[in-house]
Amino acid sequence: ALLAEVSADRSLIEAFNEEVMRFDTVAQTIQRRVRIDGVELGGKALKQGDAVYAMLGAANRDGAEFRNPDSFDMH
């Protein structure tokens, strides 16, 4: 059904691609190191060299950001 819808209306390609990346992101996590001392993130003090992990896959299923986060909806 999605293929038929996108084929009939090519303007939906961008929305389809965005939803694919949100729903099943390629990068589930990324790791970064704190570059400067004295940074605060989410109320926690971080120092230079601390590891920070961003859980992208989980963020893309945040009910506060997405209506029906566990459903694929390109609209």
PDB file of N, CA and C in Angstrom:
ATOM      1  N   ALA A   1       0.831  -1.195   0.000  1.00  0.00           N
ATOM      2  CA  ALA A   1       0.000   0.000   0.000  1.00  0.00           C
ATOM      3  C   ALA A   1       0.877   1.261   0.000  1.00  0.00           C
ATOM      4  N   LEU A   2       1.967   1.235   0.782  1.00  0.00           N
ATOM      5  CA  LEU A   2       2.860   2.399   0.812  1.00  0.00           C
ATOM      6  C   LEU A   2       3.519   2.629  -0.537  1.00  0.00           C
ATOM      7  N   LEU A   3       3.944   1.549  -1.173  1.00  0.00           N
ATOM      8  CA  LEU A   3       4.569   1.664  -2.491  1.00  0.00           C
ATOM      9  C   LEU A   3       3.614   2.299  -3.493  1.00  0.00           C
ATOM     10  N   ALA A   4       2.365   1.860  -3.484  1.00  0.00           N
ATOM     11  CA  ALA A   4       1.377   2.418  -4.398  1.00  0.00           C
ATOM     12  C   ALA A   4       1.137   3.895  -4.113  1.00  0.00           C
ATOM     13  N   GLU A   5       1.066   4.259  -2.829  1.00  0.00           N
ATOM     14  CA  GLU A   5       0.817   5.640  -2.456  1.00  0.00           C
ATOM     15  C   GLU A   5       1.964   6.550  -2.874  1.00  0.00           C
ATOM     16  N   VAL A   6       3.186   6.127  -2.605  1.00  0.00           N
ATOM     17  CA  VAL A   6       4.354   6.942  -2.968  1.00  0.00           C
ATOM     18  C   VAL A   6       4.529   6.978  -4.488  1.00  0.00           C
ATOM     19  N   SER A   7       4.244   5.884  -5.151  1.00  0.00           N
ATOM     20  CA  SER A   7       4.338   5.858  -6.619  1.00  0.00           C
ATOM     21  C   SER A   7       3.326   6.803  -7.257  1.00  0.00           C
ATOM     22  N   ALA A   8       2.150   6.889  -6.666  1.00  0.00           N
ATOM     23  CA  ALA A   8       1.105   7.760  -7.206  1.00  0.00           C
ATOM     24  C   ALA A   8       1.370   9.231  -6.910  1.00  0.00           C
ATOM     25  N   ASP A   9       2.074   9.507  -5.821  1.00  0.00           N
ATOM     26  CA  ASP A   9       2.351  10.891  -5.423  1.00  0.00           C
ATOM     27  C   ASP A   9       3.813  11.009  -5.013  1.00  0.00           C
ATOM     28  N   ARG A  10       4.648  11.345  -5.970  1.00  0.00           N
ATOM     29  CA  ARG A  10       6.105  11.395  -5.750  1.00  0.00           C
ATOM     30  C   ARG A  10       6.505  12.462  -4.728  1.00  0.00           C
ATOM     31  N   SER A  11       5.644  13.394  -4.420  1.00  0.00           N
ATOM     32  CA  SER A  11       5.971  14.404  -3.412  1.00  0.00           C
ATOM     33  C   SER A  11       6.056  13.786  -2.022  1.00  0.00           C
ATOM     34  N   LEU A  12       5.586  12.548  -1.855  1.00  0.00           N
ATOM     35  CA  LEU A  12       5.644  11.857  -0.562  1.00  0.00           C
ATOM     36  C   LEU A  12       6.990  11.190  -0.292  1.00  0.00           C
ATOM     37  N   ILE A  13       7.876  11.182  -1.279  1.00  0.00           N
ATOM     38  CA  ILE A  13       9.164  10.495  -1.132  1.00  0.00           C
ATOM     39  C   ILE A  13       9.964  11.048   0.049  1.00  0.00           C
ATOM     40  N   GLU A  14      10.028  12.351   0.182  1.00  0.00           N
ATOM     41  CA  GLU A  14      10.809  12.936   1.282  1.00  0.00           C
ATOM     42  C   GLU A  14      10.224  12.543   2.640  1.00  0.00           C
ATOM     43  N   ALA A  15       8.913  12.627   2.794  1.00  0.00           N
ATOM     44  CA  ALA A  15       8.270  12.245   4.054  1.00  0.00           C
ATOM     45  C   ALA A  15       8.464  10.762   4.331  1.00  0.00           C
ATOM     46  N   PHE A  16       8.400   9.943   3.297  1.00  0.00           N
ATOM     47  CA  PHE A  16       8.630   8.504   3.442  1.00  0.00           C
ATOM     48  C   PHE A  16      10.042   8.238   3.940  1.00  0.00           C
ATOM     49  N   ASN A  17      11.022   8.887   3.320  1.00  0.00           N
ATOM     50  CA  ASN A  17      12.422   8.703   3.728  1.00  0.00           C
ATOM     51  C   ASN A  17      12.647   9.137   5.168  1.00  0.00           C
ATOM     52  N   GLU A  18      12.089  10.273   5.556  1.00  0.00           N
ATOM     53  CA  GLU A  18      12.226  10.754   6.932  1.00  0.00           C
ATOM     54  C   GLU A  18      11.635   9.761   7.925  1.00  0.00           C
ATOM     55  N   GLU A  19      10.481   9.201   7.597  1.00  0.00           N
ATOM     56  CA  GLU A  19       9.837   8.265   8.509  1.00  0.00           C
ATOM     57  C   GLU A  19      10.600   6.947   8.593  1.00  0.00           C
ATOM     58  N   VAL A  20      11.180   6.503   7.487  1.00  0.00           N
ATOM     59  CA  VAL A  20      12.012   5.297   7.517  1.00  0.00           C
ATOM     60  C   VAL A  20      13.184   5.511   8.466  1.00  0.00           C
ATOM     61  N   MET A  21      13.840   6.661   8.373  1.00  0.00           N
ATOM     62  CA  MET A  21      14.994   6.941   9.231  1.00  0.00           C
ATOM     63  C   MET A  21      14.581   7.077  10.697  1.00  0.00           C
ATOM     64  N   ARG A  22      13.406   7.616  10.961  1.00  0.00           N
ATOM     65  CA  ARG A  22      12.937   7.723  12.339  1.00  0.00           C
ATOM     66  C   ARG A  22      12.553   6.356  12.889  1.00  0.00           C
ATOM     67  N   PHE A  23      11.815   5.607  12.105  1.00  0.00           N
ATOM     68  CA  PHE A  23      11.245   4.350  12.574  1.00  0.00           C
ATOM     69  C   PHE A  23      12.300   3.262  12.756  1.00  0.00           C
ATOM     70  N   ASP A  24      13.265   3.205  11.848  1.00  0.00           N
ATOM     71  CA  ASP A  24      14.289   2.150  11.904  1.00  0.00           C
ATOM     72  C   ASP A  24      15.638   2.759  11.558  1.00  0.00           C
ATOM     73  N   THR A  25      16.112   3.635  12.427  1.00  0.00           N
ATOM     74  CA  THR A  25      17.343   4.365  12.156  1.00  0.00           C
ATOM     75  C   THR A  25      18.548   3.428  12.008  1.00  0.00           C
ATOM     76  N   VAL A  26      19.439   3.807  11.138  1.00  0.00           N
ATOM     77  CA  VAL A  26      20.641   3.016  10.882  1.00  0.00           C
ATOM     78  C   VAL A  26      21.559   3.022  12.102  1.00  0.00           C
ATOM     79  N   ALA A  27      21.757   4.200  12.674  1.00  0.00           N
ATOM     80  CA  ALA A  27      22.622   4.342  13.848  1.00  0.00           C
ATOM     81  C   ALA A  27      21.754   4.317  15.100  1.00  0.00           C
ATOM     82  N   GLN A  28      21.814   3.247  15.860  1.00  0.00           N
ATOM     83  CA  GLN A  28      21.012   3.139  17.082  1.00  0.00           C
ATOM     84  C   GLN A  28      21.629   3.924  18.238  1.00  0.00           C
ATOM     85  N   THR A  29      22.947   3.963  18.291  1.00  0.00           N
ATOM     86  CA  THR A  29      23.638   4.709  19.345  1.00  0.00           C
ATOM     87  C   THR A  29      24.859   5.396  18.752  1.00  0.00           C
ATOM     88  N   ILE A  30      25.247   6.486  19.385  1.00  0.00           N
ATOM     89  CA  ILE A  30      26.530   7.117  19.061  1.00  0.00           C
ATOM     90  C   ILE A  30      27.216   7.459  20.373  1.00  0.00           C
ATOM     91  N   GLN A  31      28.516   7.474  20.346  1.00  0.00           N
ATOM     92  CA  GLN A  31      29.293   7.822  21.531  1.00  0.00           C
ATOM     93  C   GLN A  31      30.111   9.060  21.227  1.00  0.00           C
ATOM     94  N   ARG A  32      30.158   9.950  22.191  1.00  0.00           N
ATOM     95  CA  ARG A  32      30.988  11.143  22.100  1.00  0.00           C
ATOM     96  C   ARG A  32      31.724  11.324  23.416  1.00  0.00           C
ATOM     97  N   ARG A  33      32.783  12.086  23.391  1.00  0.00           N
ATOM     98  CA  ARG A  33      33.536  12.442  24.594  1.00  0.00           C
ATOM     99  C   ARG A  33      33.345  13.931  24.854  1.00  0.00           C
ATOM    100  N   VAL A  34      33.223  14.283  26.111  1.00  0.00           N
ATOM    101  CA  VAL A  34      33.099  15.686  26.498  1.00  0.00           C
ATOM    102  C   VAL A  34      34.415  16.383  26.187  1.00  0.00           C
ATOM    103  N   ARG A  35      34.327  17.505  25.505  1.00  0.00           N
ATOM    104  CA  ARG A  35      35.529  18.192  25.051  1.00  0.00           C
ATOM    105  C   ARG A  35      36.025  19.252  26.020  1.00  0.00           C
ATOM    106  N   ILE A  36      35.115  19.821  26.800  1.00  0.00           N
ATOM    107  CA  ILE A  36      35.537  20.856  27.741  1.00  0.00           C
ATOM    108  C   ILE A  36      35.060  20.489  29.141  1.00  0.00           C
ATOM    109  N   ASP A  37      35.765  20.973  30.124  1.00  0.00           N
ATOM    110  CA  ASP A  37      35.414  20.671  31.510  1.00  0.00           C
ATOM    111  C   ASP A  37      34.245  21.548  31.958  1.00  0.00           C
ATOM    112  N   GLY A  38      33.455  21.025  32.868  1.00  0.00           N
ATOM    113  CA  GLY A  38      32.392  21.812  33.469  1.00  0.00           C
ATOM    114  C   GLY A  38      31.105  21.874  32.681  1.00  0.00           C
ATOM    115  N   VAL A  39      30.807  20.864  31.905  1.00  0.00           N
ATOM    116  CA  VAL A  39      29.569  20.824  31.126  1.00  0.00           C
ATOM    117  C   VAL A  39      28.495  20.123  31.944  1.00  0.00           C
ATOM    118  N   GLU A  40      27.253  20.578  31.800  1.00  0.00           N
ATOM    119  CA  GLU A  40      26.142  19.921  32.466  1.00  0.00           C
ATOM    120  C   GLU A  40      25.169  19.390  31.414  1.00  0.00           C
ATOM    121  N   LEU A  41      24.718  18.164  31.599  1.00  0.00           N
ATOM    122  CA  LEU A  41      23.777  17.534  30.678  1.00  0.00           C
ATOM    123  C   LEU A  41      22.714  16.825  31.494  1.00  0.00           C
ATOM    124  N   GLY A  42      21.481  17.242  31.345  1.00  0.00           N
ATOM    125  CA  GLY A  42      20.397  16.617  32.077  1.00  0.00           C
ATOM    126  C   GLY A  42      20.563  16.681  33.579  1.00  0.00           C
ATOM    127  N   GLY A  43      21.152  17.769  34.070  1.00  0.00           N
ATOM    128  CA  GLY A  43      21.344  17.945  35.498  1.00  0.00           C
ATOM    129  C   GLY A  43      22.554  17.225  36.067  1.00  0.00           C
ATOM    130  N   LYS A  44      23.360  16.608  35.211  1.00  0.00           N
ATOM    131  CA  LYS A  44      24.547  15.882  35.667  1.00  0.00           C
ATOM    132  C   LYS A  44      25.797  16.609  35.192  1.00  0.00           C
ATOM    133  N   ALA A  45      26.721  16.835  36.114  1.00  0.00           N
ATOM    134  CA  ALA A  45      27.983  17.494  35.780  1.00  0.00           C
ATOM    135  C   ALA A  45      28.894  16.504  35.058  1.00  0.00           C
ATOM    136  N   LEU A  46      29.449  16.944  33.948  1.00  0.00           N
ATOM    137  CA  LEU A  46      30.383  16.130  33.165  1.00  0.00           C
ATOM    138  C   LEU A  46      31.729  16.832  33.115  1.00  0.00           C
ATOM    139  N   LYS A  47      32.783  16.029  33.067  1.00  0.00           N
ATOM    140  CA  LYS A  47      34.108  16.618  32.957  1.00  0.00           C
ATOM    141  C   LYS A  47      34.758  16.196  31.644  1.00  0.00           C
ATOM    142  N   GLN A  48      35.803  16.890  31.284  1.00  0.00           N
ATOM    143  CA  GLN A  48      36.483  16.616  30.029  1.00  0.00           C
ATOM    144  C   GLN A  48      36.884  15.144  29.969  1.00  0.00           C
ATOM    145  N   GLY A  49      36.586  14.512  28.828  1.00  0.00           N
ATOM    146  CA  GLY A  49      36.948  13.116  28.612  1.00  0.00           C
ATOM    147  C   GLY A  49      35.850  12.128  28.967  1.00  0.00           C
ATOM    148  N   ASP A  50      34.809  12.559  29.688  1.00  0.00           N
ATOM    149  CA  ASP A  50      33.694  11.658  30.010  1.00  0.00           C
ATOM    150  C   ASP A  50      33.013  11.186  28.725  1.00  0.00           C
ATOM    151  N   ALA A  51      32.584   9.941  28.736  1.00  0.00           N
ATOM    152  CA  ALA A  51      31.859   9.392  27.588  1.00  0.00           C
ATOM    153  C   ALA A  51      30.372   9.697  27.713  1.00  0.00           C
ATOM    154  N   VAL A  52      29.776  10.053  26.601  1.00  0.00           N
ATOM    155  CA  VAL A  52      28.339  10.307  26.529  1.00  0.00           C
ATOM    156  C   VAL A  52      27.788   9.428  25.410  1.00  0.00           C
ATOM    157  N   TYR A  53      26.740   8.682  25.704  1.00  0.00           N
ATOM    158  CA  TYR A  53      26.096   7.827  24.712  1.00  0.00           C
ATOM    159  C   TYR A  53      24.720   8.379  24.382  1.00  0.00           C
ATOM    160  N   ALA A  54      24.464   8.629  23.132  1.00  0.00           N
ATOM    161  CA  ALA A  54      23.143   9.074  22.690  1.00  0.00           C
ATOM    162  C   ALA A  54      22.420   7.866  22.101  1.00  0.00           C
ATOM    163  N   MET A  55      21.239   7.592  22.627  1.00  0.00           N
ATOM    164  CA  MET A  55      20.441   6.450  22.196  1.00  0.00           C
ATOM    165  C   MET A  55      19.438   6.925  21.142  1.00  0.00           C
ATOM    166  N   LEU A  56      19.885   7.034  19.901  1.00  0.00           N
ATOM    167  CA  LEU A  56      19.071   7.605  18.841  1.00  0.00           C
ATOM    168  C   LEU A  56      17.805   6.806  18.577  1.00  0.00           C
ATOM    169  N   GLY A  57      17.921   5.493  18.564  1.00  0.00           N
ATOM    170  CA  GLY A  57      16.755   4.652  18.311  1.00  0.00           C
ATOM    171  C   GLY A  57      15.675   4.869  19.350  1.00  0.00           C
ATOM    172  N   ALA A  58      16.061   5.016  20.605  1.00  0.00           N
ATOM    173  CA  ALA A  58      15.090   5.256  21.674  1.00  0.00           C
ATOM    174  C   ALA A  58      14.481   6.641  21.544  1.00  0.00           C
ATOM    175  N   ALA A  59      15.294   7.628  21.201  1.00  0.00           N
ATOM    176  CA  ALA A  59      14.784   8.994  21.059  1.00  0.00           C
ATOM    177  C   ALA A  59      13.745   9.073  19.946  1.00  0.00           C
ATOM    178  N   ASN A  60      13.925   8.295  18.908  1.00  0.00           N
ATOM    179  CA  ASN A  60      12.987   8.299  17.795  1.00  0.00           C
ATOM    180  C   ASN A  60      11.662   7.627  18.126  1.00  0.00           C
ATOM    181  N   ARG A  61      11.550   7.026  19.294  1.00  0.00           N
ATOM    182  CA  ARG A  61      10.298   6.395  19.740  1.00  0.00           C
ATOM    183  C   ARG A  61       9.719   7.116  20.955  1.00  0.00           C
ATOM    184  N   ASP A  62      10.107   8.369  21.144  1.00  0.00           N
ATOM    185  CA  ASP A  62       9.660   9.175  22.285  1.00  0.00           C
ATOM    186  C   ASP A  62       8.222   9.632  22.069  1.00  0.00           C
ATOM    187  N   GLY A  63       7.327   9.165  22.937  1.00  0.00           N
ATOM    188  CA  GLY A  63       5.925   9.527  22.843  1.00  0.00           C
ATOM    189  C   GLY A  63       5.658  11.005  23.063  1.00  0.00           C
ATOM    190  N   ALA A  64       6.581  11.704  23.719  1.00  0.00           N
ATOM    191  CA  ALA A  64       6.428  13.146  23.912  1.00  0.00           C
ATOM    192  C   ALA A  64       6.706  13.914  22.621  1.00  0.00           C
ATOM    193  N   GLU A  65       7.414  13.284  21.695  1.00  0.00           N
ATOM    194  CA  GLU A  65       7.775  13.934  20.431  1.00  0.00           C
ATOM    195  C   GLU A  65       6.953  13.436  19.245  1.00  0.00           C
ATOM    196  N   PHE A  66       6.551  12.181  19.297  1.00  0.00           N
ATOM    197  CA  PHE A  66       5.871  11.569  18.153  1.00  0.00           C
ATOM    198  C   PHE A  66       4.541  10.962  18.568  1.00  0.00           C
ATOM    199  N   ARG A  67       3.497  11.310  17.847  1.00  0.00           N
ATOM    200  CA  ARG A  67       2.194  10.687  18.071  1.00  0.00           C
ATOM    201  C   ARG A  67       2.294   9.259  17.524  1.00  0.00           C
ATOM    202  N   ASN A  68       1.900   8.281  18.302  1.00  0.00           N
ATOM    203  CA  ASN A  68       2.008   6.868  17.908  1.00  0.00           C
ATOM    204  C   ASN A  68       3.438   6.504  17.493  1.00  0.00           C
ATOM    205  N   PRO A  69       4.403   6.656  18.384  1.00  0.00           N
ATOM    206  CA  PRO A  69       5.814   6.486  18.021  1.00  0.00           C
ATOM    207  C   PRO A  69       6.194   5.093  17.536  1.00  0.00           C
ATOM    208  N   ASP A  70       5.413   4.074  17.865  1.00  0.00           N
ATOM    209  CA  ASP A  70       5.737   2.713  17.431  1.00  0.00           C
ATOM    210  C   ASP A  70       5.016   2.321  16.145  1.00  0.00           C
ATOM    211  N   SER A  71       4.397   3.283  15.498  1.00  0.00           N
ATOM    212  CA  SER A  71       3.712   3.042  14.222  1.00  0.00           C
ATOM    213  C   SER A  71       4.412   3.805  13.121  1.00  0.00           C
ATOM    214  N   PHE A  72       4.507   3.190  11.957  1.00  0.00           N
ATOM    215  CA  PHE A  72       5.087   3.849  10.787  1.00  0.00           C
ATOM    216  C   PHE A  72       3.996   4.722  10.162  1.00  0.00           C
ATOM    217  N   ASP A  73       4.238   6.029  10.128  1.00  0.00           N
ATOM    218  CA  ASP A  73       3.247   6.954   9.557  1.00  0.00           C
ATOM    219  C   ASP A  73       3.985   8.096   8.875  1.00  0.00           C
ATOM    220  N   MET A  74       4.017   8.051   7.572  1.00  0.00           N
ATOM    221  CA  MET A  74       4.737   9.090   6.819  1.00  0.00           C
ATOM    222  C   MET A  74       3.933  10.380   6.687  1.00  0.00           C
ATOM    223  N   HIS A  75       2.727  10.383   7.204  1.00  0.00           N
ATOM    224  CA  HIS A  75       1.903  11.603   7.124  1.00  0.00           C
ATOM    225  C   HIS A  75       2.012  12.378   8.408  1.00  0.00           C
TER     226      HIS A  75
END
